[in-house]
Amino acid sequence: MKVMFDNNLSETIARAISVLSEEKDLAERVVHLQEVFPAHMADTAWMDGLGAQGSCWVVITRDQLSKRAGEERKAIRRNGLIAYVLDNQWASQTFWPMASRLVDWWPLIVQHARTARAGVYRVPWKMGTARQLTSC
């Protein structure tokens, strides 16, 4: 599995997750969008680019992809991508709390992605006892 962090997330956090994933053999590759595509490329264009690579890609984003029939969701389905959308509460967090919480969620996200179907899943800010990633 290959993972790409969207532009709306820190490159530093993506690098940290990459190093941690290598240590625990959690993902084949973890990159930030800017390592693969131009920074201002349209979402649907880079999604099609990932799909053209032919391997399983997981996308981590803060974009809400709120329109169920929106172009981004169509591109996710068309390209067989698995997208994890961080809930709105993530946007109000500063760097360290966001990095810490994403590290906490990371093993569950990877485990979920290994059996998930292409589509969009929600990552809540609150962890609680019922840590679940739900389809949205």
C-alpha atoms as a PDB file:
ATOM      1  CA  MET A   1       0.000   0.000   0.000  1.00  0.00           C
ATOM      2  CA  LYS A   2       1.151   3.504  -0.862  1.00  0.00           C
ATOM      3  CA  VAL A   3      -0.031   6.576   1.031  1.00  0.00           C
ATOM      4  CA  MET A   4      -0.185  10.188  -0.095  1.00  0.00           C
ATOM      5  CA  PHE A   5      -0.842  13.155   2.181  1.00  0.00           C
ATOM      6  CA  ASP A   6      -2.779  15.961   0.504  1.00  0.00           C
ATOM      7  CA  ASN A   7      -1.474  19.535   0.294  1.00  0.00           C
ATOM      8  CA  ASN A   8      -3.713  20.614   3.152  1.00  0.00           C
ATOM      9  CA  LEU A   9      -1.570  18.604   5.564  1.00  0.00           C
ATOM     10  CA  SER A  10       1.963  19.243   6.720  1.00  0.00           C
ATOM     11  CA  GLU A  11       4.864  17.848   4.711  1.00  0.00           C
ATOM     12  CA  THR A  12       6.680  17.392   8.028  1.00  0.00           C
ATOM     13  CA  ILE A  13       3.912  15.193   9.419  1.00  0.00           C
ATOM     14  CA  ALA A  14       3.925  13.157   6.194  1.00  0.00           C
ATOM     15  CA  ARG A  15       7.698  12.616   6.529  1.00  0.00           C
ATOM     16  CA  ALA A  16       7.345  11.617  10.191  1.00  0.00           C
ATOM     17  CA  ILE A  17       4.589   9.113   9.386  1.00  0.00           C
ATOM     18  CA  SER A  18       6.780   7.786   6.556  1.00  0.00           C
ATOM     19  CA  VAL A  19       9.690   7.117   8.931  1.00  0.00           C
ATOM     20  CA  LEU A  20       7.422   5.534  11.532  1.00  0.00           C
ATOM     21  CA  SER A  21       5.783   3.367   8.863  1.00  0.00           C
ATOM     22  CA  GLU A  22       9.186   2.129   7.676  1.00  0.00           C
ATOM     23  CA  GLU A  23      10.159   1.194  11.238  1.00  0.00           C
ATOM     24  CA  LYS A  24       7.042  -0.927  11.682  1.00  0.00           C
ATOM     25  CA  ASP A  25       6.677  -1.989   8.009  1.00  0.00           C
ATOM     26  CA  LEU A  26       3.199  -0.443   7.860  1.00  0.00           C
ATOM     27  CA  ALA A  27       3.232   0.970   4.336  1.00  0.00           C
ATOM     28  CA  GLU A  28       5.314   0.489   1.222  1.00  0.00           C
ATOM     29  CA  ARG A  29       5.600   4.233   0.681  1.00  0.00           C
ATOM     30  CA  VAL A  30       4.311   7.402   2.396  1.00  0.00           C
ATOM     31  CA  VAL A  31       4.664  10.692   0.519  1.00  0.00           C
ATOM     32  CA  HIS A  32       3.321  14.219   0.455  1.00  0.00           C
ATOM     33  CA  LEU A  33       1.473  15.334  -2.685  1.00  0.00           C
ATOM     34  CA  GLN A  34       4.258  17.784  -3.581  1.00  0.00           C
ATOM     35  CA  GLU A  35       6.743  14.912  -3.814  1.00  0.00           C
ATOM     36  CA  VAL A  36       4.733  13.366  -6.633  1.00  0.00           C
ATOM     37  CA  PHE A  37       2.723  16.125  -8.351  1.00  0.00           C
ATOM     38  CA  PRO A  38       2.875  19.914  -8.773  1.00  0.00           C
ATOM     39  CA  ALA A  39       1.540  21.728  -5.704  1.00  0.00           C
ATOM     40  CA  HIS A  40      -1.317  23.477  -7.494  1.00  0.00           C
ATOM     41  CA  MET A  41      -2.529  20.528  -9.559  1.00  0.00           C
ATOM     42  CA  ALA A  42      -6.305  20.016  -9.475  1.00  0.00           C
ATOM     43  CA  ASP A  43      -7.443  17.279  -7.091  1.00  0.00           C
ATOM     44  CA  THR A  44      -9.114  15.234  -9.825  1.00  0.00           C
ATOM     45  CA  ALA A  45      -5.946  15.409 -11.969  1.00  0.00           C
ATOM     46  CA  TRP A  46      -3.619  14.030  -9.285  1.00  0.00           C
ATOM     47  CA  MET A  47      -6.222  11.429  -8.328  1.00  0.00           C
ATOM     48  CA  ASP A  48      -6.257  10.272 -11.952  1.00  0.00           C
ATOM     49  CA  GLY A  49      -2.443  10.300 -11.823  1.00  0.00           C
ATOM     50  CA  LEU A  50      -2.448   7.976  -8.814  1.00  0.00           C
ATOM     51  CA  GLY A  51      -4.958   5.704 -10.518  1.00  0.00           C
ATOM     52  CA  ALA A  52      -2.749   5.520 -13.611  1.00  0.00           C
ATOM     53  CA  GLN A  53       0.080   4.140 -11.473  1.00  0.00           C
ATOM     54  CA  GLY A  54      -1.981   1.000 -10.987  1.00  0.00           C
ATOM     55  CA  SER A  55      -1.199   0.238  -7.358  1.00  0.00           C
ATOM     56  CA  CYS A  56      -3.302   0.656  -4.243  1.00  0.00           C
ATOM     57  CA  TRP A  57      -3.091   4.274  -3.077  1.00  0.00           C
ATOM     58  CA  VAL A  58      -4.466   5.665   0.156  1.00  0.00           C
ATOM     59  CA  VAL A  59      -5.060   9.415   0.402  1.00  0.00           C
ATOM     60  CA  ILE A  60      -5.071  11.347   3.687  1.00  0.00           C
ATOM     61  CA  THR A  61      -6.795  14.729   3.452  1.00  0.00           C
ATOM     62  CA  ARG A  62      -8.578  17.464   5.369  1.00  0.00           C
ATOM     63  CA  ASP A  63     -10.774  18.225   2.335  1.00  0.00           C
ATOM     64  CA  GLN A  64     -14.280  17.401   3.387  1.00  0.00           C
ATOM     65  CA  LEU A  65     -15.300  16.078  -0.049  1.00  0.00           C
ATOM     66  CA  SER A  66     -18.775  17.046   1.118  1.00  0.00           C
ATOM     67  CA  LYS A  67     -20.652  16.515  -2.102  1.00  0.00           C
ATOM     68  CA  ARG A  68     -21.353  12.811  -2.362  1.00  0.00           C
ATOM     69  CA  ALA A  69     -21.620  13.110  -6.145  1.00  0.00           C
ATOM     70  CA  GLY A  70     -18.784  15.650  -6.415  1.00  0.00           C
ATOM     71  CA  GLU A  71     -15.981  15.354  -8.936  1.00  0.00           C
ATOM     72  CA  GLU A  72     -13.396  14.396  -6.300  1.00  0.00           C
ATOM     73  CA  ARG A  73     -15.513  11.493  -5.055  1.00  0.00           C
ATOM     74  CA  LYS A  74     -16.058  10.341  -8.628  1.00  0.00           C
ATOM     75  CA  ALA A  75     -12.284  10.459  -9.180  1.00  0.00           C
ATOM     76  CA  ILE A  76     -11.705   8.435  -6.001  1.00  0.00           C
ATOM     77  CA  ARG A  77     -14.093   5.727  -7.146  1.00  0.00           C
ATOM     78  CA  ARG A  78     -12.891   5.816 -10.774  1.00  0.00           C
ATOM     79  CA  ASN A  79      -9.271   5.334  -9.674  1.00  0.00           C
ATOM     80  CA  GLY A  80      -9.882   2.778  -6.925  1.00  0.00           C
ATOM     81  CA  LEU A  81      -8.482   5.071  -4.233  1.00  0.00           C
ATOM     82  CA  ILE A  82      -9.120   4.848  -0.508  1.00  0.00           C
ATOM     83  CA  ALA A  83      -9.431   8.307   1.042  1.00  0.00           C
ATOM     84  CA  TYR A  84      -9.395   9.184   4.727  1.00  0.00           C
ATOM     85  CA  VAL A  85     -10.921  12.569   5.483  1.00  0.00           C
ATOM     86  CA  LEU A  86      -9.944  14.164   8.773  1.00  0.00           C
ATOM     87  CA  ASP A  87     -13.038  15.611  10.486  1.00  0.00           C
ATOM     88  CA  ASN A  88     -13.550  19.371  10.790  1.00  0.00           C
ATOM     89  CA  GLN A  89     -12.124  19.379  14.335  1.00  0.00           C
ATOM     90  CA  TRP A  90      -8.673  18.574  12.935  1.00  0.00           C
ATOM     91  CA  ALA A  91      -8.568  21.941  11.130  1.00  0.00           C
ATOM     92  CA  SER A  92      -8.579  23.926  14.366  1.00  0.00           C
ATOM     93  CA  GLN A  93      -5.616  22.059  15.839  1.00  0.00           C
ATOM     94  CA  THR A  94      -2.060  23.310  15.912  1.00  0.00           C
ATOM     95  CA  PHE A  95       0.868  21.307  14.587  1.00  0.00           C
ATOM     96  CA  TRP A  96       1.806  19.232  17.657  1.00  0.00           C
ATOM     97  CA  PRO A  97      -1.669  18.077  18.705  1.00  0.00           C
ATOM     98  CA  MET A  98      -2.457  17.205  15.084  1.00  0.00           C
ATOM     99  CA  ALA A  99       0.798  15.283  14.638  1.00  0.00           C
ATOM    100  CA  SER A 100       0.324  13.423  17.906  1.00  0.00           C
ATOM    101  CA  ARG A 101      -3.269  12.458  17.163  1.00  0.00           C
ATOM    102  CA  LEU A 102      -2.435  11.305  13.638  1.00  0.00           C
ATOM    103  CA  VAL A 103       0.337   9.085  15.007  1.00  0.00           C
ATOM    104  CA  ASP A 104      -2.212   7.642  17.465  1.00  0.00           C
ATOM    105  CA  TRP A 105      -4.671   6.932  14.641  1.00  0.00           C
ATOM    106  CA  TRP A 106      -2.064   5.676  12.156  1.00  0.00           C
ATOM    107  CA  PRO A 107      -2.011   1.921  12.982  1.00  0.00           C
ATOM    108  CA  LEU A 108      -5.815   1.791  12.811  1.00  0.00           C
ATOM    109  CA  ILE A 109      -5.891   3.699   9.513  1.00  0.00           C
ATOM    110  CA  VAL A 110      -3.343   1.296   7.991  1.00  0.00           C
ATOM    111  CA  GLN A 111      -5.172  -1.766   9.304  1.00  0.00           C
ATOM    112  CA  HIS A 112      -8.477  -0.438   7.962  1.00  0.00           C
ATOM    113  CA  ALA A 113      -6.975   0.428   4.559  1.00  0.00           C
ATOM    114  CA  ARG A 114      -5.718  -3.126   4.077  1.00  0.00           C
ATOM    115  CA  THR A 115      -9.284  -4.440   3.873  1.00  0.00           C
ATOM    116  CA  ALA A 116     -11.263  -1.345   2.848  1.00  0.00           C
ATOM    117  CA  ARG A 117     -12.958  -0.900  -0.476  1.00  0.00           C
ATOM    118  CA  ALA A 118     -12.270   2.140  -2.620  1.00  0.00           C
ATOM    119  CA  GLY A 119     -14.155   5.086  -1.163  1.00  0.00           C
ATOM    120  CA  VAL A 120     -14.110   7.822   1.436  1.00  0.00           C
ATOM    121  CA  TYR A 121     -13.793   7.225   5.177  1.00  0.00           C
ATOM    122  CA  ARG A 122     -14.007   9.676   8.071  1.00  0.00           C
ATOM    123  CA  VAL A 123     -11.326  10.005  10.752  1.00  0.00           C
ATOM    124  CA  PRO A 124     -12.817  11.657  13.849  1.00  0.00           C
ATOM    125  CA  TRP A 125     -10.748  13.882  16.111  1.00  0.00           C
ATOM    126  CA  LYS A 126     -12.003  12.227  19.280  1.00  0.00           C
ATOM    127  CA  MET A 127     -10.598   8.802  19.880  1.00  0.00           C
ATOM    128  CA  GLY A 128     -12.637   7.431  22.788  1.00  0.00           C
ATOM    129  CA  THR A 129     -13.182   3.734  23.357  1.00  0.00           C
ATOM    130  CA  ALA A 130     -15.059   3.197  20.074  1.00  0.00           C
ATOM    131  CA  ARG A 131     -12.244   4.192  17.732  1.00  0.00           C
ATOM    132  CA  GLN A 132     -13.890   3.715  14.371  1.00  0.00           C
ATOM    133  CA  LEU A 133     -13.347   4.848  10.828  1.00  0.00           C
ATOM    134  CA  THR A 134     -16.681   5.185   9.089  1.00  0.00           C
ATOM    135  CA  SER A 135     -17.670   5.468   5.464  1.00  0.00           C
ATOM    136  CA  CYS A 136     -18.900   8.896   4.506  1.00  0.00           C
END
